[in-house]
Amino acid sequence: MKRILICLMVLLMVSLSGLAVAAEAKKTSKLNYEVQEIESFTGYVKTKKAGARLNLREHPQFGARVLKKLDPGTELKVVGVWKKFYKVEVDGLTGFVQSRYVSTYYPLATTPLHTYYPAMRELAEPVIVSISPARKGGFVNMRTGPSRSEPVAKYLYENQVLLLLAVDRVWVKVQVPETEQVGYVMRHFVNGL
């Protein structure tokens, strides 16, 4: 009887160890991914809701361990791509974020309205944007400074192409490519912001 019990115990232990090995293999197989290395570029965290934070994950999986929560506007160095994830470097950490929450320009739309920026944030490189006046066929005032009390430097018309140089919550600093004239426009007149 003892021999039978010992044999059953040995069989049970072998079965359990086999299950553990299979479970570990299944877990490891989920982590098989090959990141495509790319020429790095600077990106910024953007989120759907003001104040929401983006998870920096250990692996490119939704259930992977969260290394850090990133605030909107956090600057990232994007170094690779795997499916819907970017491999990024930020604050000395390397991890993965969903690519749809990374923008190449500073994301004004996710800036909480209570946030005040004492100075405009300069962009690393100018971004091409266009103007969309409130009324069709209308114009937008480009001012000499970021205030409605500043003098009008130029009138900008619908779909006029500009270079975006800097941003804050209310104003953008732009340059007219043809004349290299620089001025300020309220951000809600700029397409895509």
Protein backbone atom coordinates (compact mmCIF):
# COMPACT_ATOMS: atom_id res chain seq x y z
CA MET A 1 0.00 0.00 0.00
CA LYS A 2 2.85 2.35 0.88
CA ARG A 3 4.45 1.69 -2.50
CA ILE A 4 1.24 2.59 -4.28
CA LEU A 5 0.96 5.83 -2.30
CA ILE A 6 4.58 6.72 -2.99
CA CYS A 7 4.10 6.02 -6.72
CA LEU A 8 0.97 8.18 -6.79
CA MET A 9 2.81 11.00 -4.97
CA VAL A 10 5.70 10.81 -7.43
CA LEU A 11 3.29 10.84 -10.39
CA LEU A 12 1.41 13.81 -8.91
CA MET A 13 4.67 15.75 -8.37
CA VAL A 14 5.82 14.99 -11.93
CA SER A 15 2.44 16.10 -13.31
CA LEU A 16 2.47 19.34 -11.30
CA SER A 17 6.04 20.17 -12.35
CA GLY A 18 5.07 19.51 -15.97
CA LEU A 19 2.13 21.90 -15.62
CA ALA A 20 4.38 24.54 -14.07
CA VAL A 21 6.87 24.21 -16.95
CA ALA A 22 4.03 24.48 -19.49
CA ALA A 23 2.59 27.54 -17.73
CA GLU A 24 6.03 29.19 -17.66
CA ALA A 25 6.54 28.41 -21.36
CA LYS A 26 3.14 29.91 -22.17
CA LYS A 27 3.95 33.02 -20.11
CA THR A 28 7.34 33.39 -21.83
CA SER A 29 5.86 32.90 -25.30
CA LYS A 30 3.65 35.95 -24.74
CA LEU A 31 6.79 38.03 -24.25
CA ASN A 32 8.29 37.08 -27.61
CA TYR A 33 8.45 40.30 -29.60
CA GLU A 34 10.96 41.90 -31.88
CA VAL A 35 11.11 45.68 -31.68
CA GLN A 36 11.92 47.45 -34.92
CA GLU A 37 14.68 49.94 -34.12
CA ILE A 38 14.10 53.33 -35.76
CA GLU A 39 15.92 56.64 -36.01
CA SER A 40 14.97 58.24 -32.72
CA PHE A 41 12.69 61.25 -32.53
CA THR A 42 11.22 63.40 -29.78
CA GLY A 43 7.60 62.82 -28.85
CA TYR A 44 5.25 64.14 -26.19
CA VAL A 45 2.64 62.32 -24.13
CA LYS A 46 -0.92 63.20 -25.13
CA THR A 47 -3.99 61.73 -23.47
CA LYS A 48 -7.71 61.77 -24.21
CA LYS A 49 -8.68 63.47 -20.95
CA ALA A 50 -7.04 66.48 -19.34
CA GLY A 51 -4.89 65.38 -16.44
CA ALA A 52 -4.97 61.66 -17.39
CA ARG A 53 -1.60 59.89 -17.21
CA LEU A 54 -0.03 57.39 -19.62
CA ASN A 55 1.40 54.05 -18.45
CA LEU A 56 5.06 53.36 -19.30
CA ARG A 57 5.10 49.56 -19.42
CA GLU A 58 7.91 47.04 -19.09
CA HIS A 59 6.82 45.13 -22.22
CA PRO A 60 4.58 46.02 -25.21
CA GLN A 61 1.48 44.42 -23.67
CA PHE A 62 -1.53 45.97 -21.99
CA GLY A 63 -1.11 43.75 -18.93
CA ALA A 64 2.65 44.33 -18.54
CA ARG A 65 4.02 45.83 -15.34
CA VAL A 66 3.76 49.64 -15.19
CA LEU A 67 7.20 51.22 -14.66
CA LYS A 68 5.92 54.78 -14.33
CA LYS A 69 2.87 56.96 -15.00
CA LEU A 70 3.67 59.81 -17.40
CA ASP A 71 1.98 63.21 -17.28
CA PRO A 72 0.60 64.87 -20.44
CA GLY A 73 3.32 66.83 -22.21
CA THR A 74 6.15 64.62 -20.88
CA GLU A 75 8.97 64.56 -23.43
CA LEU A 76 9.94 61.09 -24.70
CA LYS A 77 12.74 59.77 -26.89
CA VAL A 78 11.11 57.24 -29.25
CA VAL A 79 13.65 54.58 -30.29
CA GLY A 80 11.59 51.64 -31.59
CA VAL A 81 8.22 50.31 -32.73
CA TRP A 82 6.35 47.05 -32.12
CA LYS A 83 2.77 46.80 -33.39
CA LYS A 84 0.79 49.53 -31.58
CA PHE A 85 3.55 50.38 -29.12
CA TYR A 86 6.57 52.69 -29.15
CA LYS A 87 9.72 51.78 -27.30
CA VAL A 88 10.72 54.96 -25.47
CA GLU A 89 13.34 56.36 -23.15
CA VAL A 90 12.26 58.78 -20.43
CA ASP A 91 13.73 59.79 -17.06
CA GLY A 92 16.43 57.10 -17.27
CA LEU A 93 13.88 54.33 -17.94
CA THR A 94 13.27 52.33 -21.11
CA GLY A 95 9.78 50.98 -21.67
CA PHE A 96 6.74 50.90 -23.94
CA VAL A 97 3.77 53.21 -24.47
CA GLN A 98 0.82 53.02 -26.85
CA SER A 99 1.79 54.90 -30.02
CA ARG A 100 -1.59 56.64 -30.31
CA TYR A 101 -0.78 58.60 -27.15
CA VAL A 102 2.46 60.08 -28.51
CA SER A 103 2.52 63.31 -30.49
CA THR A 104 5.39 64.97 -32.36
CA TYR A 105 4.25 68.40 -31.14
CA TYR A 106 3.51 69.55 -27.62
CA PRO A 107 -0.12 68.45 -27.05
CA LEU A 108 -2.11 71.53 -26.10
CA ALA A 109 -5.43 69.72 -26.07
CA THR A 110 -4.43 67.65 -23.02
CA THR A 111 -3.20 70.58 -20.96
CA PRO A 112 -5.51 71.08 -17.96
CA LEU A 113 -7.27 74.43 -18.14
CA HIS A 114 -6.12 75.36 -14.63
CA THR A 115 -2.47 75.03 -15.67
CA TYR A 116 -0.69 78.29 -16.25
CA TYR A 117 2.46 78.49 -18.37
CA PRO A 118 4.54 81.60 -17.56
CA ALA A 119 6.51 81.14 -20.79
CA MET A 120 5.79 79.52 -24.13
CA ARG A 121 7.32 76.12 -24.75
CA GLU A 122 9.64 76.25 -27.76
CA LEU A 123 9.36 73.29 -30.14
CA ALA A 124 12.53 71.38 -31.06
CA GLU A 125 11.67 71.81 -34.75
CA PRO A 126 9.01 73.96 -36.45
CA VAL A 127 5.77 72.17 -37.36
CA ILE A 128 3.71 73.09 -40.44
CA VAL A 129 0.17 74.17 -39.52
CA SER A 130 -2.70 76.05 -41.17
CA ILE A 131 -5.24 78.63 -40.05
CA SER A 132 -8.99 78.12 -39.76
CA PRO A 133 -10.90 81.37 -39.08
CA ALA A 134 -14.19 81.33 -37.18
CA ARG A 135 -16.08 82.51 -40.29
CA LYS A 136 -15.52 81.27 -43.83
CA GLY A 137 -13.65 83.84 -45.87
CA GLY A 138 -12.64 85.64 -42.69
CA PHE A 139 -9.23 86.34 -41.29
CA VAL A 140 -7.27 85.87 -38.07
CA ASN A 141 -5.17 88.52 -36.36
CA MET A 142 -1.48 87.67 -36.00
CA ARG A 143 -0.30 89.86 -33.13
CA THR A 144 3.14 91.13 -32.12
CA GLY A 145 2.81 89.48 -28.69
CA PRO A 146 0.69 86.80 -26.96
CA SER A 147 -2.16 89.11 -25.92
CA ARG A 148 -5.26 90.63 -27.52
CA SER A 149 -4.01 94.04 -26.42
CA GLU A 150 -0.88 93.67 -28.60
CA PRO A 151 -0.94 95.36 -32.04
CA VAL A 152 -1.93 93.36 -35.13
CA ALA A 153 1.17 92.51 -37.17
CA LYS A 154 -0.61 90.78 -40.07
CA TYR A 155 -3.96 89.35 -41.15
CA LEU A 156 -3.92 85.59 -41.81
CA TYR A 157 -6.49 83.97 -44.07
CA GLU A 158 -8.12 80.53 -44.19
CA ASN A 159 -5.75 77.61 -44.91
CA GLN A 160 -2.70 79.88 -44.85
CA VAL A 161 0.35 77.73 -44.08
CA LEU A 162 2.55 78.73 -41.13
CA LEU A 163 5.42 77.30 -39.15
CA LEU A 164 4.54 76.60 -35.50
CA LEU A 165 7.48 77.62 -33.29
CA ALA A 166 6.19 77.61 -29.71
CA VAL A 167 2.99 76.95 -27.77
CA ASP A 168 1.20 77.64 -24.53
CA ARG A 169 -2.36 77.05 -23.32
CA VAL A 170 -3.91 79.96 -25.25
CA TRP A 171 -1.37 81.27 -27.79
CA VAL A 172 0.97 79.87 -30.44
CA LYS A 173 4.06 81.53 -31.85
CA VAL A 174 4.13 81.24 -35.64
CA GLN A 175 6.26 82.31 -38.59
CA VAL A 176 5.02 83.21 -42.07
CA PRO A 177 7.35 81.18 -44.37
CA GLU A 178 7.34 83.65 -47.28
CA THR A 179 8.35 86.71 -45.26
CA GLU A 180 9.83 85.05 -42.15
CA GLN A 181 7.63 87.38 -40.09
CA VAL A 182 7.00 86.05 -36.57
CA GLY A 183 3.88 86.68 -34.51
CA TYR A 184 1.27 85.18 -32.19
CA VAL A 185 -2.13 83.64 -32.92
CA MET A 186 -4.76 82.27 -30.55
CA ARG A 187 -4.36 78.48 -30.64
CA HIS A 188 -8.04 77.69 -31.36
CA PHE A 189 -7.57 79.18 -34.86
CA VAL A 190 -4.77 76.70 -35.68
CA ASN A 191 -5.87 73.43 -37.29
CA GLY A 192 -5.02 70.28 -35.39
CA LEU A 193 -4.34 71.80 -31.96
